Amino acid sequence: MHNFLVHIRTLSHLEDDIPPCEAQMEHWKTNLLIMESKERQYLQQYSVIKHLLVNRVGYSPEISHGVLDEMAEHRKDLEKETKPILDMLRSYQDLPTDKALAALAIEDKKRQYAAAEKYLETCCSRHLLLPSDSLSPTNKTGIAGKKRNRQNNQIFVVPEIHNHYSTSLL
């Protein structure tokens, strides 16, 4: 009989717990319905966004961060390999497309070279050969100045040497 009373007491406690548990179950059911609704909404948004990515942007699932990193490294390697070839081709891109234009460009460069050579010659002759009455003493360092050539009595300008030693000799 004692067992029977324990069972009845336990049953009455369980019956008392039914209304709060039912309220909790109703709350969970409501939450479950809301969650199912949200799941459908998120799945629909996901499919719309996936469709946009595939059709407009060209996204494919095979592209991932790791694949993109590997592709970037491969691209850098290819750029290193092709840089010398591209540098060589850039020099050819400056050439005229027509043979007649190329001949004109060559003649123009020859004229520029001859003019530069003539200018250099006049500059050198003007600065290296001076009349003997313009002889002046050497500068402070004793390295540069004008010196007389004893054989043919011409005066040459000796250029000053600029380095870190010339100032320490003062």
C-alpha atoms as a PDB file:
ATOM      1  CA  MET A   1       0.000   0.000   0.000  1.00  0.00           C
ATOM      2  CA  HIS A   2       2.883   2.324   0.731  1.00  0.00           C
ATOM      3  CA  ASN A   3       4.081   1.980  -2.842  1.00  0.00           C
ATOM      4  CA  PHE A   4       0.681   2.834  -4.076  1.00  0.00           C
ATOM      5  CA  LEU A   5       0.617   6.098  -2.073  1.00  0.00           C
ATOM      6  CA  VAL A   6       4.055   7.047  -3.367  1.00  0.00           C
ATOM      7  CA  HIS A   7       2.839   6.489  -6.882  1.00  0.00           C
ATOM      8  CA  ILE A   8      -0.288   8.525  -6.324  1.00  0.00           C
ATOM      9  CA  ARG A   9       1.689  11.374  -4.766  1.00  0.00           C
ATOM     10  CA  THR A  10       4.115  11.311  -7.708  1.00  0.00           C
ATOM     11  CA  LEU A  11       1.181  11.285 -10.106  1.00  0.00           C
ATOM     12  CA  SER A  12      -0.392  14.309  -8.420  1.00  0.00           C
ATOM     13  CA  HIS A  13       2.941  16.206  -8.618  1.00  0.00           C
ATOM     14  CA  LEU A  14       3.171  15.347 -12.282  1.00  0.00           C
ATOM     15  CA  GLU A  15      -0.401  16.498 -12.875  1.00  0.00           C
ATOM     16  CA  ASP A  16       0.459  19.794 -11.170  1.00  0.00           C
ATOM     17  CA  ASP A  17       3.454  20.204 -13.518  1.00  0.00           C
ATOM     18  CA  ILE A  18       1.330  19.699 -16.650  1.00  0.00           C
ATOM     19  CA  PRO A  19       0.026  23.305 -17.130  1.00  0.00           C
ATOM     20  CA  PRO A  20       3.472  24.972 -16.922  1.00  0.00           C
ATOM     21  CA  CYS A  21       4.944  22.332 -19.199  1.00  0.00           C
ATOM     22  CA  GLU A  22       2.093  22.733 -21.669  1.00  0.00           C
ATOM     23  CA  ALA A  23       2.667  26.498 -21.681  1.00  0.00           C
ATOM     24  CA  GLN A  24       6.360  25.898 -22.325  1.00  0.00           C
ATOM     25  CA  MET A  25       5.476  23.462 -25.134  1.00  0.00           C
ATOM     26  CA  GLU A  26       3.150  26.020 -26.737  1.00  0.00           C
ATOM     27  CA  HIS A  27       5.929  28.593 -26.559  1.00  0.00           C
ATOM     28  CA  TRP A  28       8.333  26.134 -28.207  1.00  0.00           C
ATOM     29  CA  LYS A  29       5.749  25.311 -30.893  1.00  0.00           C
ATOM     30  CA  THR A  30       5.351  29.014 -31.651  1.00  0.00           C
ATOM     31  CA  ASN A  31       9.119  29.449 -31.792  1.00  0.00           C
ATOM     32  CA  LEU A  32       9.372  26.392 -34.039  1.00  0.00           C
ATOM     33  CA  LEU A  33       6.841  27.860 -36.472  1.00  0.00           C
ATOM     34  CA  ILE A  34       8.723  31.168 -36.491  1.00  0.00           C
ATOM     35  CA  MET A  35      12.016  29.370 -37.056  1.00  0.00           C
ATOM     36  CA  GLU A  36      10.536  27.332 -39.922  1.00  0.00           C
ATOM     37  CA  SER A  37       9.267  30.548 -41.498  1.00  0.00           C
ATOM     38  CA  LYS A  38      12.677  32.198 -41.117  1.00  0.00           C
ATOM     39  CA  GLU A  39      14.353  29.116 -42.586  1.00  0.00           C
ATOM     40  CA  ARG A  40      12.142  29.311 -45.694  1.00  0.00           C
ATOM     41  CA  GLN A  41      12.830  33.052 -45.960  1.00  0.00           C
ATOM     42  CA  TYR A  42      16.620  32.581 -45.654  1.00  0.00           C
ATOM     43  CA  LEU A  43      16.656  29.717 -48.155  1.00  0.00           C
ATOM     44  CA  GLN A  44      14.704  31.854 -50.605  1.00  0.00           C
ATOM     45  CA  GLN A  45      17.110  34.803 -50.130  1.00  0.00           C
ATOM     46  CA  TYR A  46      20.071  32.440 -50.523  1.00  0.00           C
ATOM     47  CA  SER A  47      18.748  31.065 -53.807  1.00  0.00           C
ATOM     48  CA  VAL A  48      18.089  34.606 -55.145  1.00  0.00           C
ATOM     49  CA  ILE A  49      21.592  35.783 -54.192  1.00  0.00           C
ATOM     50  CA  LYS A  50      23.189  32.624 -55.579  1.00  0.00           C
ATOM     51  CA  HIS A  51      21.291  33.118 -58.824  1.00  0.00           C
ATOM     52  CA  LEU A  52      22.528  36.735 -59.023  1.00  0.00           C
ATOM     53  CA  LEU A  53      26.130  35.681 -58.356  1.00  0.00           C
ATOM     54  CA  VAL A  54      26.074  32.970 -60.985  1.00  0.00           C
ATOM     55  CA  ASN A  55      24.306  34.963 -63.695  1.00  0.00           C
ATOM     56  CA  ARG A  56      25.615  38.504 -63.197  1.00  0.00           C
ATOM     57  CA  VAL A  57      29.047  38.105 -61.643  1.00  0.00           C
ATOM     58  CA  GLY A  58      30.057  34.725 -63.045  1.00  0.00           C
ATOM     59  CA  TYR A  59      30.645  33.112 -59.672  1.00  0.00           C
ATOM     60  CA  SER A  60      31.231  29.401 -59.624  1.00  0.00           C
ATOM     61  CA  PRO A  61      31.467  27.221 -56.518  1.00  0.00           C
ATOM     62  CA  GLU A  62      34.891  25.975 -57.610  1.00  0.00           C
ATOM     63  CA  ILE A  63      36.357  29.395 -56.844  1.00  0.00           C
ATOM     64  CA  SER A  64      37.520  29.651 -53.263  1.00  0.00           C
ATOM     65  CA  HIS A  65      40.060  31.698 -51.358  1.00  0.00           C
ATOM     66  CA  GLY A  66      42.687  28.976 -51.633  1.00  0.00           C
ATOM     67  CA  VAL A  67      42.194  28.646 -55.383  1.00  0.00           C
ATOM     68  CA  LEU A  68      42.417  32.417 -55.818  1.00  0.00           C
ATOM     69  CA  ASP A  69      45.673  32.505 -53.800  1.00  0.00           C
ATOM     70  CA  GLU A  70      47.164  29.778 -55.979  1.00  0.00           C
ATOM     71  CA  MET A  71      46.096  31.644 -59.103  1.00  0.00           C
ATOM     72  CA  ALA A  72      47.676  34.867 -57.810  1.00  0.00           C
ATOM     73  CA  GLU A  73      50.983  33.080 -57.117  1.00  0.00           C
ATOM     74  CA  HIS A  74      50.915  31.496 -60.574  1.00  0.00           C
ATOM     75  CA  ARG A  75      50.251  34.927 -62.102  1.00  0.00           C
ATOM     76  CA  LYS A  76      53.255  36.416 -60.286  1.00  0.00           C
ATOM     77  CA  ASP A  77      55.456  33.588 -61.560  1.00  0.00           C
ATOM     78  CA  LEU A  78      54.240  34.159 -65.116  1.00  0.00           C
ATOM     79  CA  GLU A  79      54.888  37.901 -64.831  1.00  0.00           C
ATOM     80  CA  LYS A  80      58.461  37.205 -63.684  1.00  0.00           C
ATOM     81  CA  GLU A  81      58.996  34.843 -66.616  1.00  0.00           C
ATOM     82  CA  THR A  82      57.557  37.214 -69.219  1.00  0.00           C
ATOM     83  CA  LYS A  83      59.129  40.456 -67.944  1.00  0.00           C
ATOM     84  CA  PRO A  84      62.370  40.102 -69.977  1.00  0.00           C
ATOM     85  CA  ILE A  85      60.404  39.288 -73.107  1.00  0.00           C
ATOM     86  CA  LEU A  86      58.073  42.241 -72.586  1.00  0.00           C
ATOM     87  CA  ASP A  87      61.036  44.577 -72.014  1.00  0.00           C
ATOM     88  CA  MET A  88      62.569  43.423 -75.276  1.00  0.00           C
ATOM     89  CA  LEU A  89      59.271  43.871 -77.128  1.00  0.00           C
ATOM     90  CA  ARG A  90      58.819  47.398 -75.763  1.00  0.00           C
ATOM     91  CA  SER A  91      61.955  48.472 -77.633  1.00  0.00           C
ATOM     92  CA  TYR A  92      60.411  47.199 -80.869  1.00  0.00           C
ATOM     93  CA  GLN A  93      57.142  49.017 -80.190  1.00  0.00           C
ATOM     94  CA  ASP A  94      58.966  52.343 -80.572  1.00  0.00           C
ATOM     95  CA  LEU A  95      59.963  51.459 -84.138  1.00  0.00           C
ATOM     96  CA  PRO A  96      57.940  52.929 -86.997  1.00  0.00           C
ATOM     97  CA  THR A  97      55.560  50.544 -88.721  1.00  0.00           C
ATOM     98  CA  ASP A  98      56.552  51.565 -92.255  1.00  0.00           C
ATOM     99  CA  LYS A  99      59.975  50.982 -93.822  1.00  0.00           C
ATOM    100  CA  ALA A 100      60.060  54.530 -95.230  1.00  0.00           C
ATOM    101  CA  LEU A 101      59.242  55.952 -91.795  1.00  0.00           C
ATOM    102  CA  ALA A 102      61.974  53.804 -90.300  1.00  0.00           C
ATOM    103  CA  ALA A 103      64.492  55.173 -92.815  1.00  0.00           C
ATOM    104  CA  LEU A 104      63.408  58.725 -91.958  1.00  0.00           C
ATOM    105  CA  ALA A 105      63.757  57.994 -88.253  1.00  0.00           C
ATOM    106  CA  ILE A 106      67.254  56.576 -88.806  1.00  0.00           C
ATOM    107  CA  GLU A 107      68.299  59.648 -90.800  1.00  0.00           C
ATOM    108  CA  ASP A 108      66.891  61.908 -88.098  1.00  0.00           C
ATOM    109  CA  LYS A 109      68.868  60.057 -85.420  1.00  0.00           C
ATOM    110  CA  LYS A 110      72.015  60.327 -87.561  1.00  0.00           C
ATOM    111  CA  ARG A 111      71.496  64.100 -87.840  1.00  0.00           C
ATOM    112  CA  GLN A 112      70.957  64.355 -84.089  1.00  0.00           C
ATOM    113  CA  TYR A 113      74.108  62.315 -83.484  1.00  0.00           C
ATOM    114  CA  ALA A 114      76.152  64.491 -85.864  1.00  0.00           C
ATOM    115  CA  ALA A 115      74.831  67.672 -84.206  1.00  0.00           C
ATOM    116  CA  ALA A 116      75.664  66.316 -80.752  1.00  0.00           C
ATOM    117  CA  GLU A 117      79.135  65.320 -81.913  1.00  0.00           C
ATOM    118  CA  LYS A 118      79.739  68.797 -83.411  1.00  0.00           C
ATOM    119  CA  TYR A 119      78.501  70.455 -80.223  1.00  0.00           C
ATOM    120  CA  LEU A 120      80.795  68.266 -78.119  1.00  0.00           C
ATOM    121  CA  GLU A 121      83.721  69.088 -80.387  1.00  0.00           C
ATOM    122  CA  THR A 122      83.127  72.846 -80.122  1.00  0.00           C
ATOM    123  CA  CYS A 123      82.693  72.637 -76.364  1.00  0.00           C
ATOM    124  CA  CYS A 124      85.873  70.629 -75.967  1.00  0.00           C
ATOM    125  CA  SER A 125      87.898  72.890 -78.231  1.00  0.00           C
ATOM    126  CA  ARG A 126      86.569  76.000 -76.492  1.00  0.00           C
ATOM    127  CA  HIS A 127      87.335  74.718 -72.991  1.00  0.00           C
ATOM    128  CA  LEU A 128      90.529  72.767 -73.565  1.00  0.00           C
ATOM    129  CA  LEU A 129      92.476  75.138 -75.817  1.00  0.00           C
ATOM    130  CA  LEU A 130      92.827  78.628 -74.350  1.00  0.00           C
ATOM    131  CA  PRO A 131      95.158  81.451 -75.439  1.00  0.00           C
ATOM    132  CA  SER A 132      98.400  81.684 -73.443  1.00  0.00           C
ATOM    133  CA  ASP A 133      97.611  85.125 -71.957  1.00  0.00           C
ATOM    134  CA  SER A 134      94.654  83.699 -69.988  1.00  0.00           C
ATOM    135  CA  LEU A 135      96.859  81.466 -67.829  1.00  0.00           C
ATOM    136  CA  SER A 136      95.731  81.576 -64.199  1.00  0.00           C
ATOM    137  CA  PRO A 137      96.963  79.787 -61.070  1.00  0.00           C
ATOM    138  CA  THR A 138      95.507  76.482 -60.011  1.00  0.00           C
ATOM    139  CA  ASN A 139      92.567  76.327 -57.614  1.00  0.00           C
ATOM    140  CA  LYS A 140      92.792  75.684 -53.867  1.00  0.00           C
ATOM    141  CA  THR A 141      93.140  71.915 -54.151  1.00  0.00           C
ATOM    142  CA  GLY A 142      96.073  72.116 -56.537  1.00  0.00           C
ATOM    143  CA  ILE A 143      94.438  69.479 -58.729  1.00  0.00           C
ATOM    144  CA  ALA A 144      92.533  71.499 -61.297  1.00  0.00           C
ATOM    145  CA  GLY A 145      93.482  74.584 -63.268  1.00  0.00           C
ATOM    146  CA  LYS A 146      95.251  75.514 -66.506  1.00  0.00           C
ATOM    147  CA  LYS A 147      98.549  73.981 -67.506  1.00  0.00           C
ATOM    148  CA  ARG A 148     100.873  74.871 -70.344  1.00  0.00           C
ATOM    149  CA  ASN A 149     101.889  72.234 -72.842  1.00  0.00           C
ATOM    150  CA  ARG A 150     105.629  72.868 -73.286  1.00  0.00           C
ATOM    151  CA  GLN A 151     105.909  71.261 -76.717  1.00  0.00           C
ATOM    152  CA  ASN A 152     103.495  73.451 -78.670  1.00  0.00           C
ATOM    153  CA  ASN A 153     102.826  76.255 -76.161  1.00  0.00           C
ATOM    154  CA  GLN A 154      99.115  75.489 -75.827  1.00  0.00           C
ATOM    155  CA  ILE A 155      97.165  75.748 -72.577  1.00  0.00           C
ATOM    156  CA  PHE A 156      94.877  72.917 -71.448  1.00  0.00           C
ATOM    157  CA  VAL A 157      92.221  73.074 -68.771  1.00  0.00           C
ATOM    158  CA  VAL A 158      92.629  70.327 -66.215  1.00  0.00           C
ATOM    159  CA  PRO A 159      89.201  69.487 -64.784  1.00  0.00           C
ATOM    160  CA  GLU A 160      88.700  69.578 -61.049  1.00  0.00           C
ATOM    161  CA  ILE A 161      88.181  66.209 -59.393  1.00  0.00           C
ATOM    162  CA  HIS A 162      85.199  66.232 -57.074  1.00  0.00           C
ATOM    163  CA  ASN A 163      85.337  63.573 -54.413  1.00  0.00           C
ATOM    164  CA  HIS A 164      85.430  63.326 -50.656  1.00  0.00           C
ATOM    165  CA  TYR A 165      89.253  63.495 -50.625  1.00  0.00           C
ATOM    166  CA  SER A 166      89.617  66.868 -52.389  1.00  0.00           C
ATOM    167  CA  THR A 167      88.016  68.798 -49.512  1.00  0.00           C
ATOM    168  CA  SER A 168      90.081  67.030 -46.877  1.00  0.00           C
ATOM    169  CA  LEU A 169      93.321  68.192 -48.497  1.00  0.00           C
ATOM    170  CA  LEU A 170      92.598  71.880 -47.761  1.00  0.00           C
END
